[in-house]
Structure formats: C-alpha cells, structure tokens
N, C-alpha and C. Protein backbone atom coordinates (compact mmCIF):
# COMPACT_ATOMS: atom_id res chain seq x y z
N UNK A 1 -35.95 21.11 29.05
CA UNK A 1 -35.10 20.85 27.80
C UNK A 1 -35.81 19.89 27.00
N UNK A 2 -36.01 20.47 25.75
CA UNK A 2 -36.65 19.50 24.78
C UNK A 2 -35.67 18.58 24.08
N UNK A 3 -36.18 17.63 23.48
CA UNK A 3 -35.26 16.76 22.71
C UNK A 3 -34.62 17.24 21.54
N UNK A 4 -35.29 18.25 20.92
CA UNK A 4 -34.60 18.95 20.00
C UNK A 4 -33.25 19.75 20.27
N UNK A 5 -33.31 20.42 21.41
CA UNK A 5 -32.18 20.97 21.96
C UNK A 5 -31.10 20.18 22.40
N UNK A 6 -31.45 18.99 22.92
CA UNK A 6 -30.27 17.93 23.30
C UNK A 6 -29.84 17.31 22.06
N UNK A 7 -30.65 17.14 20.97
CA UNK A 7 -30.05 16.60 19.80
C UNK A 7 -29.11 17.70 19.05
N UNK A 8 -29.46 18.99 19.14
CA UNK A 8 -28.67 20.07 18.53
C UNK A 8 -27.41 20.02 19.28
N UNK A 9 -27.32 20.02 20.62
CA UNK A 9 -26.06 20.13 21.33
C UNK A 9 -25.32 18.75 21.10
N UNK A 10 -26.03 17.66 20.90
CA UNK A 10 -25.18 16.47 20.72
C UNK A 10 -24.60 16.53 19.37
N UNK A 11 -25.31 17.05 18.49
CA UNK A 11 -24.81 17.23 17.03
C UNK A 11 -23.70 18.11 16.88
N UNK A 12 -23.73 19.18 17.67
CA UNK A 12 -22.53 20.17 17.77
C UNK A 12 -21.39 19.49 18.31
N UNK A 13 -21.46 18.75 19.24
CA UNK A 13 -20.46 18.08 19.96
C UNK A 13 -19.70 17.12 18.84
N UNK A 14 -20.67 16.28 18.28
CA UNK A 14 -20.14 15.37 17.38
C UNK A 14 -19.41 15.94 16.15
N UNK A 15 -19.93 17.15 15.64
CA UNK A 15 -19.50 17.86 14.62
C UNK A 15 -18.03 18.45 14.97
N UNK A 16 -17.86 18.87 16.21
CA UNK A 16 -16.69 19.57 16.67
C UNK A 16 -15.52 18.28 16.84
N UNK A 17 -16.00 17.20 17.21
CA UNK A 17 -14.99 16.08 17.28
C UNK A 17 -14.45 15.63 15.88
N UNK A 18 -15.46 15.54 14.95
CA UNK A 18 -15.12 15.17 13.49
C UNK A 18 -14.14 16.22 12.99
N UNK A 19 -14.51 17.38 13.13
CA UNK A 19 -13.59 18.53 12.65
C UNK A 19 -12.19 18.43 13.22
N UNK A 20 -12.11 18.25 14.51
CA UNK A 20 -10.76 18.18 15.21
C UNK A 20 -9.96 16.83 14.63
N UNK A 21 -10.63 15.74 14.58
CA UNK A 21 -10.04 14.61 13.79
C UNK A 21 -9.51 14.89 12.44
N UNK A 22 -10.42 15.57 11.67
CA UNK A 22 -9.97 15.83 10.35
C UNK A 22 -8.77 16.75 10.26
N UNK A 23 -8.66 17.72 11.20
CA UNK A 23 -7.53 18.69 11.27
C UNK A 23 -6.23 17.84 11.70
N UNK A 24 -6.47 17.06 12.88
CA UNK A 24 -5.23 16.27 13.30
C UNK A 24 -4.72 15.37 12.10
N UNK A 25 -5.50 14.58 11.55
CA UNK A 25 -5.03 13.70 10.51
C UNK A 25 -4.74 14.23 9.14
N UNK A 26 -5.12 15.43 8.90
CA UNK A 26 -4.64 16.11 7.78
C UNK A 26 -5.57 15.78 6.53
N UNK A 27 -5.19 16.31 5.48
CA UNK A 27 -6.01 16.10 4.30
C UNK A 27 -5.94 14.76 3.73
N UNK A 28 -6.96 14.32 2.95
CA UNK A 28 -7.18 12.92 2.63
C UNK A 28 -6.58 12.97 0.98
N UNK A 29 -5.87 11.93 0.91
CA UNK A 29 -5.27 11.64 -0.35
C UNK A 29 -3.78 12.22 -0.46
N UNK A 30 -3.28 12.62 -1.64
CA UNK A 30 -1.91 13.04 -1.91
C UNK A 30 -1.81 14.58 -1.59
N UNK A 31 -2.85 15.25 -1.42
CA UNK A 31 -2.93 16.65 -1.20
C UNK A 31 -2.13 16.78 0.32
N UNK A 32 -1.35 17.87 0.19
CA UNK A 32 -0.55 18.09 1.35
C UNK A 32 0.48 17.30 1.88
N UNK A 33 0.60 16.14 1.19
CA UNK A 33 1.78 15.17 1.62
C UNK A 33 3.02 15.38 0.67
N UNK A 34 4.20 15.36 1.14
CA UNK A 34 5.35 15.47 0.29
C UNK A 34 5.31 14.33 -0.78
N UNK A 35 5.87 14.78 -2.00
CA UNK A 35 6.01 13.82 -3.11
C UNK A 35 6.84 12.64 -2.80
N UNK A 36 6.55 11.47 -3.37
CA UNK A 36 7.40 10.40 -3.08
C UNK A 36 8.55 10.56 -4.11
N UNK A 37 9.83 10.33 -3.63
CA UNK A 37 10.92 10.30 -4.60
C UNK A 37 10.84 9.09 -5.55
N UNK A 38 11.18 9.46 -6.63
CA UNK A 38 11.16 8.34 -7.82
C UNK A 38 12.20 7.33 -7.48
N UNK A 39 11.96 6.14 -7.75
CA UNK A 39 12.86 5.01 -7.56
C UNK A 39 14.01 4.94 -8.56
N UNK A 40 15.14 4.97 -8.06
CA UNK A 40 16.25 5.09 -8.81
C UNK A 40 17.03 3.54 -8.88
N UNK A 41 17.02 2.99 -10.10
CA UNK A 41 17.47 1.66 -10.18
C UNK A 41 18.90 1.79 -10.82
N UNK A 42 20.02 1.61 -9.87
CA UNK A 42 21.17 1.92 -10.35
C UNK A 42 21.97 0.46 -10.64
N UNK A 43 21.33 -0.45 -10.18
CA UNK A 43 21.98 -1.84 -10.48
C UNK A 43 21.84 -2.22 -11.81
N UNK A 44 22.94 -2.79 -12.34
CA UNK A 44 22.86 -3.33 -13.78
C UNK A 44 21.91 -4.64 -13.73
N UNK A 45 21.20 -4.73 -14.86
CA UNK A 45 20.39 -6.06 -14.90
C UNK A 45 21.24 -7.26 -14.95
N UNK A 46 20.96 -8.30 -14.08
CA UNK A 46 21.62 -9.50 -14.03
C UNK A 46 21.37 -10.28 -15.37
N UNK A 47 22.46 -10.96 -15.72
CA UNK A 47 22.33 -11.73 -16.84
C UNK A 47 21.40 -13.05 -16.52
N UNK A 48 20.56 -13.58 -17.49
CA UNK A 48 19.67 -14.62 -17.00
C UNK A 48 20.43 -15.87 -16.95
N UNK A 49 20.20 -16.53 -15.85
CA UNK A 49 20.71 -17.89 -15.44
C UNK A 49 20.48 -19.01 -16.38
N UNK A 50 21.24 -19.92 -16.59
CA UNK A 50 20.95 -20.99 -17.49
C UNK A 50 19.83 -21.92 -16.91
N UNK A 51 18.99 -22.27 -17.84
CA UNK A 51 17.95 -23.12 -17.28
C UNK A 51 18.19 -24.44 -16.50
N UNK A 52 17.57 -24.81 -15.57
CA UNK A 52 17.88 -25.99 -14.68
C UNK A 52 17.55 -27.13 -15.62
N UNK A 53 18.24 -28.31 -15.39
CA UNK A 53 18.04 -29.59 -16.15
C UNK A 53 16.38 -29.87 -15.67
N UNK A 54 15.79 -30.52 -16.63
CA UNK A 54 14.34 -30.87 -16.45
C UNK A 54 14.19 -32.29 -16.05
N UNK A 55 15.25 -33.13 -16.08
CA UNK A 55 14.98 -34.48 -15.68
C UNK A 55 16.21 -35.19 -15.99
N UNK A 56 16.18 -36.60 -15.75
CA UNK A 56 17.54 -37.33 -16.03
C UNK A 56 17.78 -37.31 -17.60
N UNK A 57 19.07 -37.25 -17.76
CA UNK A 57 19.66 -37.24 -19.19
C UNK A 57 20.26 -38.46 -19.47
N UNK A 58 19.78 -39.35 -20.35
CA UNK A 58 20.29 -40.56 -20.81
C UNK A 58 21.25 -40.26 -22.06
N UNK A 59 22.50 -40.53 -21.91
CA UNK A 59 23.46 -40.24 -22.88
C UNK A 59 23.69 -41.51 -23.77
N UNK A 60 23.88 -42.63 -22.99
CA UNK A 60 24.15 -43.91 -23.80
C UNK A 60 23.10 -45.11 -23.36
N UNK A 61 22.65 -45.71 -24.33
CA UNK A 61 21.72 -46.79 -24.10
C UNK A 61 22.54 -48.13 -24.14
N UNK A 62 22.44 -48.80 -23.24
CA UNK A 62 23.18 -50.17 -23.29
C UNK A 62 22.61 -51.12 -24.25
N UNK A 63 23.38 -51.88 -25.09
CA UNK A 63 22.94 -52.75 -26.08
C UNK A 63 22.95 -54.09 -25.30
N UNK A 64 21.84 -55.02 -25.33
CA UNK A 64 21.89 -56.29 -24.84
C UNK A 64 21.37 -57.23 -25.82
C-alpha cells in the first residue's frame, strides 16, 4: 500500500466527516433559519426624571 493511496483514503474519510458536520449543523448565516420577529415596543416612553442636585445649595449667607 503506497503512501498515495493511504493519503487518498484518509482524505476521503476527512471529507466525509466534514460533509456530515456541515449537514448536521445546517447552512451558515441567515439562510435556512427562521426570520427573527421584529421587536414590538408597546411601552410608552417614560418621562425624563428631574436632574439630581449637583452639590450643596447655599440659600442664605450669614452676615458677621
């Protein structure tokens, strides 16, 4: 048995395994897959919240 025939047999086995894996896992990409449903945003947009205070607020300055 020459190395060429061993390589041919080994190549055929590897090709068969790759083909079987490709069939099991299906097509690559979006082909053959069901379409994703569109997102439906039924919630009303929330009103923006009041901004948080940024620091201490000094309302009166004592006179000395």
